[in-house]
């Protein structure tokens, strides 16, 4: 499964229902073309006293051909960042105690595998991705 804006939107809706009680508003979606960064969550912050989350964006790389479970784990990882920013528990989107507590809870309850980082050597490259370029980039 190669990330695209359509399947990201469908997966977000599914995960929002199953794991977040539909609390999260649909974000914008973006594609990364990165071999190292699998997913990324970003949002705009309001002013000094404005604690709202504006223009949330979840981006996932199209560099790999993920299994459905790998794709879901990446989406849920980014959704945890979104949820913690939205609730005010972690506006910096770090992998701190709040993130790890929520990841462990979801992993245990739903048989997910959400981690701070992932070994990308486990992932299959998407069709047309250069193995030579991939291995050269890993040497940098």
N, C-alpha and C. Protein backbone atom coordinates (compact mmCIF):
# COMPACT_ATOMS: atom_id res chain seq x y z
N UNK A 1 0.85 -1.17 0.00
CA UNK A 1 0.00 0.00 0.00
C UNK A 1 0.89 1.23 0.00
N UNK A 2 0.81 1.98 -1.06
CA UNK A 2 1.61 3.19 -1.18
C UNK A 2 0.73 4.37 -0.76
N UNK A 3 1.25 5.21 0.10
CA UNK A 3 0.48 6.34 0.61
C UNK A 3 0.06 7.26 -0.54
N UNK A 4 -1.20 7.63 -0.53
CA UNK A 4 -1.70 8.69 -1.39
C UNK A 4 -2.77 9.44 -0.59
N UNK A 5 -3.18 10.59 -1.08
CA UNK A 5 -4.09 11.43 -0.31
C UNK A 5 -5.44 10.74 -0.07
N UNK A 6 -5.88 9.93 -1.00
CA UNK A 6 -7.17 9.25 -0.86
C UNK A 6 -7.11 8.16 0.22
N UNK A 7 -6.11 7.26 0.14
CA UNK A 7 -6.09 6.18 1.13
C UNK A 7 -5.69 6.70 2.52
N UNK A 8 -4.98 7.81 2.57
CA UNK A 8 -4.68 8.42 3.87
C UNK A 8 -5.96 8.94 4.53
N UNK A 9 -6.81 9.56 3.73
CA UNK A 9 -8.07 10.09 4.25
C UNK A 9 -8.98 8.96 4.75
N UNK A 10 -9.08 7.88 3.97
CA UNK A 10 -9.90 6.74 4.39
C UNK A 10 -9.37 6.11 5.67
N UNK A 11 -8.05 5.94 5.75
CA UNK A 11 -7.45 5.33 6.93
C UNK A 11 -7.61 6.23 8.15
N UNK A 12 -7.46 7.53 7.96
CA UNK A 12 -7.67 8.47 9.07
C UNK A 12 -9.08 8.31 9.65
N UNK A 13 -10.08 8.29 8.77
CA UNK A 13 -11.46 8.16 9.23
C UNK A 13 -11.66 6.86 10.02
N UNK A 14 -11.10 5.77 9.52
CA UNK A 14 -11.21 4.48 10.20
C UNK A 14 -10.55 4.53 11.58
N UNK A 15 -9.32 5.04 11.63
CA UNK A 15 -8.58 5.09 12.90
C UNK A 15 -9.20 6.08 13.87
N UNK A 16 -9.73 7.17 13.37
CA UNK A 16 -10.39 8.16 14.22
C UNK A 16 -11.59 7.53 14.91
N UNK A 17 -12.33 6.72 14.19
CA UNK A 17 -13.49 6.03 14.76
C UNK A 17 -13.06 4.96 15.75
N UNK A 18 -12.11 4.10 15.35
CA UNK A 18 -11.72 2.96 16.19
C UNK A 18 -10.92 3.34 17.42
N UNK A 19 -10.01 4.30 17.29
CA UNK A 19 -9.04 4.55 18.36
C UNK A 19 -9.18 5.90 19.07
N UNK A 20 -9.88 6.86 18.44
CA UNK A 20 -9.93 8.21 19.01
C UNK A 20 -11.36 8.70 19.23
N UNK A 21 -12.34 7.82 19.13
CA UNK A 21 -13.73 8.19 19.39
C UNK A 21 -14.23 9.33 18.52
N UNK A 22 -13.69 9.45 17.33
CA UNK A 22 -14.04 10.50 16.36
C UNK A 22 -13.86 11.92 16.93
N UNK A 23 -12.89 12.07 17.84
CA UNK A 23 -12.63 13.38 18.44
C UNK A 23 -11.84 14.31 17.53
N UNK A 24 -11.09 13.75 16.60
CA UNK A 24 -10.21 14.58 15.77
C UNK A 24 -10.92 15.03 14.50
N UNK A 25 -10.80 16.31 14.20
CA UNK A 25 -11.32 16.82 12.93
C UNK A 25 -10.40 16.37 11.81
N UNK A 26 -10.95 16.13 10.63
CA UNK A 26 -10.07 15.70 9.52
C UNK A 26 -9.00 16.75 9.23
N UNK A 27 -7.74 16.32 9.17
CA UNK A 27 -6.66 17.25 8.84
C UNK A 27 -6.50 17.34 7.32
N UNK A 28 -5.56 18.14 6.91
CA UNK A 28 -5.09 18.10 5.53
C UNK A 28 -4.11 16.93 5.47
N UNK A 29 -3.90 16.41 4.29
CA UNK A 29 -2.95 15.32 4.12
C UNK A 29 -1.89 15.74 3.12
N UNK A 30 -0.68 15.25 3.35
CA UNK A 30 0.42 15.55 2.45
C UNK A 30 1.27 14.31 2.25
N UNK A 31 2.05 14.34 1.19
CA UNK A 31 2.95 13.23 0.89
C UNK A 31 4.38 13.67 1.12
N UNK A 32 5.14 12.80 1.72
CA UNK A 32 6.58 12.97 1.85
C UNK A 32 7.24 12.09 0.80
N UNK A 33 8.41 12.44 0.36
CA UNK A 33 9.17 11.61 -0.57
C UNK A 33 10.50 11.29 0.11
N UNK A 34 10.39 10.72 1.29
CA UNK A 34 11.54 10.53 2.17
C UNK A 34 11.72 9.06 2.50
N UNK A 35 12.96 8.62 2.55
CA UNK A 35 13.23 7.24 2.95
C UNK A 35 13.42 7.14 4.47
N UNK A 36 13.73 8.24 5.13
CA UNK A 36 13.95 8.21 6.58
C UNK A 36 12.72 8.58 7.39
N UNK A 37 11.99 9.58 6.97
CA UNK A 37 10.82 10.03 7.71
C UNK A 37 9.59 9.36 7.14
N UNK A 38 8.97 8.49 7.94
CA UNK A 38 7.80 7.75 7.47
C UNK A 38 6.53 8.59 7.57
N UNK A 39 6.43 9.40 8.61
CA UNK A 39 5.26 10.23 8.79
C UNK A 39 5.62 11.48 9.57
N UNK A 40 4.73 12.48 9.48
CA UNK A 40 5.00 13.76 10.11
C UNK A 40 3.67 14.44 10.41
N UNK A 41 3.53 14.99 11.61
CA UNK A 41 2.36 15.79 11.96
C UNK A 41 2.81 17.22 12.21
N UNK A 42 2.05 18.16 11.68
CA UNK A 42 2.36 19.58 11.85
C UNK A 42 1.05 20.35 11.97
N UNK A 43 1.08 21.43 12.72
CA UNK A 43 -0.07 22.32 12.80
C UNK A 43 0.42 23.72 13.07
N UNK A 44 -0.46 24.69 12.84
CA UNK A 44 -0.16 26.09 13.15
C UNK A 44 -0.72 26.40 14.52
N UNK A 45 0.05 27.15 15.28
CA UNK A 45 -0.36 27.54 16.62
C UNK A 45 -1.00 28.92 16.56
N UNK A 46 -1.93 29.14 17.48
CA UNK A 46 -2.54 30.47 17.59
C UNK A 46 -1.57 31.41 18.31
N UNK A 47 -2.06 32.54 18.72
CA UNK A 47 -1.23 33.52 19.44
C UNK A 47 -0.84 33.01 20.82
N UNK A 48 -0.22 33.87 21.59
CA UNK A 48 0.33 33.53 22.90
C UNK A 48 -0.72 32.85 23.80
N UNK A 49 -1.93 33.39 23.85
CA UNK A 49 -2.96 32.84 24.72
C UNK A 49 -3.93 31.93 23.98
N UNK A 50 -3.76 31.80 22.68
CA UNK A 50 -4.64 30.96 21.88
C UNK A 50 -4.07 29.55 21.84
N UNK A 51 -4.76 28.62 22.45
CA UNK A 51 -4.26 27.25 22.56
C UNK A 51 -4.86 26.32 21.51
N UNK A 52 -5.52 26.87 20.51
CA UNK A 52 -6.15 26.05 19.48
C UNK A 52 -5.14 25.49 18.50
N UNK A 53 -5.52 24.41 17.85
CA UNK A 53 -4.73 23.77 16.81
C UNK A 53 -5.34 24.18 15.48
N UNK A 54 -4.54 24.85 14.65
CA UNK A 54 -5.01 25.31 13.35
C UNK A 54 -4.31 24.57 12.22
N UNK A 55 -5.03 24.29 11.17
CA UNK A 55 -4.48 23.71 9.94
C UNK A 55 -3.62 22.47 10.20
N UNK A 56 -4.16 21.45 10.88
CA UNK A 56 -3.36 20.24 11.11
C UNK A 56 -3.08 19.53 9.78
N UNK A 57 -1.88 19.00 9.67
CA UNK A 57 -1.47 18.27 8.46
C UNK A 57 -0.79 16.98 8.89
N UNK A 58 -1.24 15.88 8.32
CA UNK A 58 -0.56 14.59 8.49
C UNK A 58 0.03 14.22 7.15
N UNK A 59 1.33 13.99 7.13
CA UNK A 59 2.03 13.60 5.91
C UNK A 59 2.65 12.22 6.12
N UNK A 60 2.62 11.41 5.08
CA UNK A 60 3.23 10.07 5.10
C UNK A 60 4.02 9.89 3.82
N UNK A 61 5.14 9.20 3.92
CA UNK A 61 6.00 9.01 2.76
C UNK A 61 5.38 8.06 1.74
N UNK A 62 5.65 8.34 0.49
CA UNK A 62 5.24 7.43 -0.59
C UNK A 62 6.44 6.64 -1.11
N UNK A 63 7.51 6.64 -0.34
CA UNK A 63 8.75 5.97 -0.72
C UNK A 63 8.65 4.45 -0.58
N UNK A 64 7.72 4.00 0.28
CA UNK A 64 7.61 2.58 0.58
C UNK A 64 6.24 2.04 0.17
N UNK A 65 6.21 0.74 -0.05
CA UNK A 65 4.97 0.01 -0.30
C UNK A 65 4.66 -0.75 0.99
N UNK A 66 3.86 -0.12 1.86
CA UNK A 66 3.59 -0.64 3.20
C UNK A 66 2.58 -1.78 3.17
N UNK A 67 2.66 -2.65 4.16
CA UNK A 67 1.56 -3.56 4.40
C UNK A 67 0.44 -2.72 5.02
N UNK A 68 -0.80 -3.19 4.99
CA UNK A 68 -1.87 -2.42 5.62
C UNK A 68 -1.61 -2.14 7.10
N UNK A 69 -1.02 -3.08 7.83
CA UNK A 69 -0.75 -2.88 9.25
C UNK A 69 0.36 -1.83 9.47
N UNK A 70 1.40 -1.87 8.64
CA UNK A 70 2.46 -0.87 8.73
C UNK A 70 1.89 0.53 8.49
N UNK A 71 1.06 0.65 7.46
CA UNK A 71 0.45 1.92 7.10
C UNK A 71 -0.42 2.43 8.25
N UNK A 72 -1.19 1.54 8.85
CA UNK A 72 -2.05 1.91 9.97
C UNK A 72 -1.22 2.36 11.17
N UNK A 73 -0.13 1.66 11.48
CA UNK A 73 0.72 2.05 12.61
C UNK A 73 1.30 3.45 12.41
N UNK A 74 1.71 3.76 11.19
CA UNK A 74 2.27 5.09 10.91
C UNK A 74 1.18 6.15 11.08
N UNK A 75 -0.01 5.88 10.53
CA UNK A 75 -1.11 6.84 10.66
C UNK A 75 -1.46 7.07 12.12
N UNK A 76 -1.60 6.02 12.89
CA UNK A 76 -1.97 6.16 14.30
C UNK A 76 -0.87 6.89 15.07
N UNK A 77 0.39 6.63 14.74
CA UNK A 77 1.51 7.35 15.36
C UNK A 77 1.31 8.87 15.18
N UNK A 78 1.03 9.28 13.96
CA UNK A 78 0.85 10.71 13.69
C UNK A 78 -0.44 11.23 14.33
N UNK A 79 -1.46 10.40 14.40
CA UNK A 79 -2.71 10.80 15.03
C UNK A 79 -2.55 10.99 16.54
N UNK A 80 -1.66 10.24 17.16
CA UNK A 80 -1.37 10.45 18.58
C UNK A 80 -0.79 11.85 18.77
N UNK A 81 0.16 12.24 17.91
CA UNK A 81 0.70 13.60 17.99
C UNK A 81 -0.42 14.63 17.84
N UNK A 82 -1.30 14.41 16.88
CA UNK A 82 -2.43 15.32 16.64
C UNK A 82 -3.32 15.38 17.89
N UNK A 83 -3.68 14.23 18.42
CA UNK A 83 -4.55 14.17 19.59
C UNK A 83 -3.93 14.90 20.79
N UNK A 84 -2.66 14.66 21.03
CA UNK A 84 -2.00 15.29 22.18
C UNK A 84 -1.88 16.80 22.00
N UNK A 85 -1.67 17.26 20.78
CA UNK A 85 -1.65 18.70 20.52
C UNK A 85 -3.05 19.28 20.70
N UNK A 86 -4.04 18.59 20.17
CA UNK A 86 -5.44 19.03 20.23
C UNK A 86 -5.94 19.12 21.67
N UNK A 87 -5.58 18.16 22.50
CA UNK A 87 -6.02 18.17 23.90
C UNK A 87 -5.13 19.02 24.80
N UNK A 88 -4.01 19.48 24.28
CA UNK A 88 -3.11 20.31 25.06
C UNK A 88 -2.11 19.53 25.89
N UNK A 89 -2.10 18.21 25.78
CA UNK A 89 -1.16 17.39 26.56
C UNK A 89 0.28 17.52 26.08
N UNK A 90 0.47 17.77 24.79
CA UNK A 90 1.82 17.94 24.25
C UNK A 90 1.75 18.75 22.97
N UNK A 91 1.91 20.04 23.10
CA UNK A 91 1.82 20.93 21.93
C UNK A 91 3.12 20.93 21.11
N UNK A 92 4.21 20.37 21.65
CA UNK A 92 5.46 20.29 20.91
C UNK A 92 5.58 19.03 20.05
N UNK A 93 4.64 18.12 20.17
CA UNK A 93 4.61 16.87 19.37
C UNK A 93 5.88 16.05 19.56
N UNK A 94 6.22 15.84 20.80
CA UNK A 94 7.41 15.04 21.13
C UNK A 94 7.03 13.59 21.36
N UNK A 95 8.03 12.78 21.59
CA UNK A 95 7.81 11.37 21.93
C UNK A 95 8.05 11.17 23.42
N UNK A 96 7.44 12.02 24.20
CA UNK A 96 7.62 11.99 25.65
C UNK A 96 6.68 11.02 26.34
N UNK A 97 6.48 11.28 27.63
CA UNK A 97 5.67 10.37 28.46
C UNK A 97 4.23 10.27 27.96
N UNK A 98 3.63 11.38 27.60
CA UNK A 98 2.23 11.35 27.14
C UNK A 98 2.11 10.52 25.87
N UNK A 99 3.04 10.72 24.94
CA UNK A 99 3.02 9.96 23.69
C UNK A 99 3.19 8.47 23.98
N UNK A 100 4.20 8.13 24.76
CA UNK A 100 4.48 6.72 25.01
C UNK A 100 3.35 6.04 25.79
N UNK A 101 2.76 6.76 26.72
CA UNK A 101 1.63 6.20 27.48
C UNK A 101 0.46 5.87 26.54
N UNK A 102 0.15 6.80 25.65
CA UNK A 102 -0.95 6.58 24.72
C UNK A 102 -0.61 5.49 23.71
N UNK A 103 0.62 5.47 23.21
CA UNK A 103 1.04 4.43 22.26
C UNK A 103 0.95 3.05 22.90
N UNK A 104 1.45 2.93 24.12
CA UNK A 104 1.41 1.63 24.81
C UNK A 104 -0.03 1.17 25.05
N UNK A 105 -0.90 2.10 25.40
CA UNK A 105 -2.31 1.77 25.63
C UNK A 105 -2.95 1.26 24.33
N UNK A 106 -2.72 1.95 23.23
CA UNK A 106 -3.29 1.53 21.94
C UNK A 106 -2.66 0.22 21.46
N UNK A 107 -1.34 0.08 21.65
CA UNK A 107 -0.67 -1.16 21.26
C UNK A 107 -1.29 -2.36 21.96
N UNK A 108 -1.47 -2.21 23.25
CA UNK A 108 -1.99 -3.32 24.06
C UNK A 108 -3.46 -3.63 23.74
N UNK A 109 -4.27 -2.60 23.63
CA UNK A 109 -5.71 -2.79 23.43
C UNK A 109 -6.06 -3.23 22.01
N UNK A 110 -5.25 -2.81 21.02
CA UNK A 110 -5.63 -3.04 19.62
C UNK A 110 -4.57 -3.79 18.81
N UNK A 111 -3.59 -4.34 19.46
CA UNK A 111 -2.54 -5.12 18.79
C UNK A 111 -1.84 -4.30 17.70
N UNK A 112 -1.53 -3.05 18.03
CA UNK A 112 -0.78 -2.19 17.12
C UNK A 112 0.70 -2.27 17.48
N UNK A 113 1.53 -1.63 16.70
CA UNK A 113 2.96 -1.60 16.95
C UNK A 113 3.47 -0.18 16.73
N UNK A 114 3.03 0.72 17.61
CA UNK A 114 3.41 2.12 17.50
C UNK A 114 4.65 2.33 18.36
N UNK A 115 5.68 2.89 17.74
CA UNK A 115 6.94 3.11 18.43
C UNK A 115 7.43 4.53 18.15
N UNK A 116 8.44 4.96 18.92
CA UNK A 116 9.04 6.28 18.67
C UNK A 116 9.68 6.32 17.29
N UNK A 117 10.42 5.28 16.99
CA UNK A 117 11.13 5.20 15.71
C UNK A 117 10.95 3.80 15.14
N UNK A 118 11.25 3.67 13.86
CA UNK A 118 11.08 2.39 13.18
C UNK A 118 12.29 2.13 12.30
N UNK A 119 12.69 0.89 12.22
CA UNK A 119 13.77 0.46 11.34
C UNK A 119 13.21 0.36 9.92
N UNK A 120 13.61 1.28 9.04
CA UNK A 120 13.06 1.32 7.69
C UNK A 120 13.53 0.17 6.81
N UNK A 121 14.53 -0.59 7.24
CA UNK A 121 14.99 -1.71 6.43
C UNK A 121 13.93 -2.80 6.32
N UNK A 122 12.90 -2.76 7.19
CA UNK A 122 11.81 -3.74 7.16
C UNK A 122 10.80 -3.45 6.04
N UNK A 123 10.86 -2.28 5.46
CA UNK A 123 9.84 -1.86 4.52
C UNK A 123 10.27 -2.11 3.08
N UNK A 124 9.28 -2.47 2.28
CA UNK A 124 9.49 -2.70 0.85
C UNK A 124 9.43 -1.36 0.12
N UNK A 125 10.39 -1.11 -0.75
CA UNK A 125 10.37 0.13 -1.52
C UNK A 125 9.22 0.12 -2.51
N UNK A 126 8.64 1.30 -2.75
CA UNK A 126 7.56 1.37 -3.74
C UNK A 126 8.13 1.19 -5.14
N UNK A 127 7.29 0.75 -6.05
CA UNK A 127 7.73 0.50 -7.42
C UNK A 127 8.28 1.78 -8.03
N UNK A 128 9.40 1.65 -8.71
CA UNK A 128 10.03 2.80 -9.34
C UNK A 128 11.04 3.51 -8.44
N UNK A 129 11.10 3.12 -7.17
CA UNK A 129 12.08 3.70 -6.26
C UNK A 129 13.41 3.01 -6.48
N UNK A 130 14.44 3.79 -6.59
CA UNK A 130 15.76 3.27 -6.89
C UNK A 130 16.42 2.66 -5.65
N UNK A 131 16.76 1.37 -5.73
CA UNK A 131 17.49 0.74 -4.63
C UNK A 131 18.88 1.36 -4.49
N UNK A 132 19.51 1.72 -5.59
CA UNK A 132 20.83 2.34 -5.53
C UNK A 132 20.75 3.66 -4.78
N UNK A 133 19.75 4.48 -5.12
CA UNK A 133 19.58 5.75 -4.42
C UNK A 133 19.31 5.51 -2.94
N UNK A 134 18.47 4.53 -2.62
CA UNK A 134 18.16 4.20 -1.23
C UNK A 134 19.43 3.85 -0.47
N UNK A 135 20.24 2.94 -1.00
CA UNK A 135 21.44 2.53 -0.28
C UNK A 135 22.47 3.62 -0.22
N UNK A 136 22.58 4.44 -1.25
CA UNK A 136 23.50 5.58 -1.18
C UNK A 136 23.08 6.56 -0.09
N UNK A 137 21.78 6.79 0.01
CA UNK A 137 21.27 7.72 1.03
C UNK A 137 21.48 7.19 2.43
N UNK A 138 21.44 5.88 2.62
CA UNK A 138 21.63 5.33 3.96
C UNK A 138 23.09 5.46 4.40
N UNK A 139 23.99 5.67 3.47
CA UNK A 139 25.40 5.82 3.82
C UNK A 139 25.71 7.24 4.29
N UNK A 140 24.85 8.18 3.98
CA UNK A 140 25.09 9.58 4.33
C UNK A 140 24.86 9.82 5.80
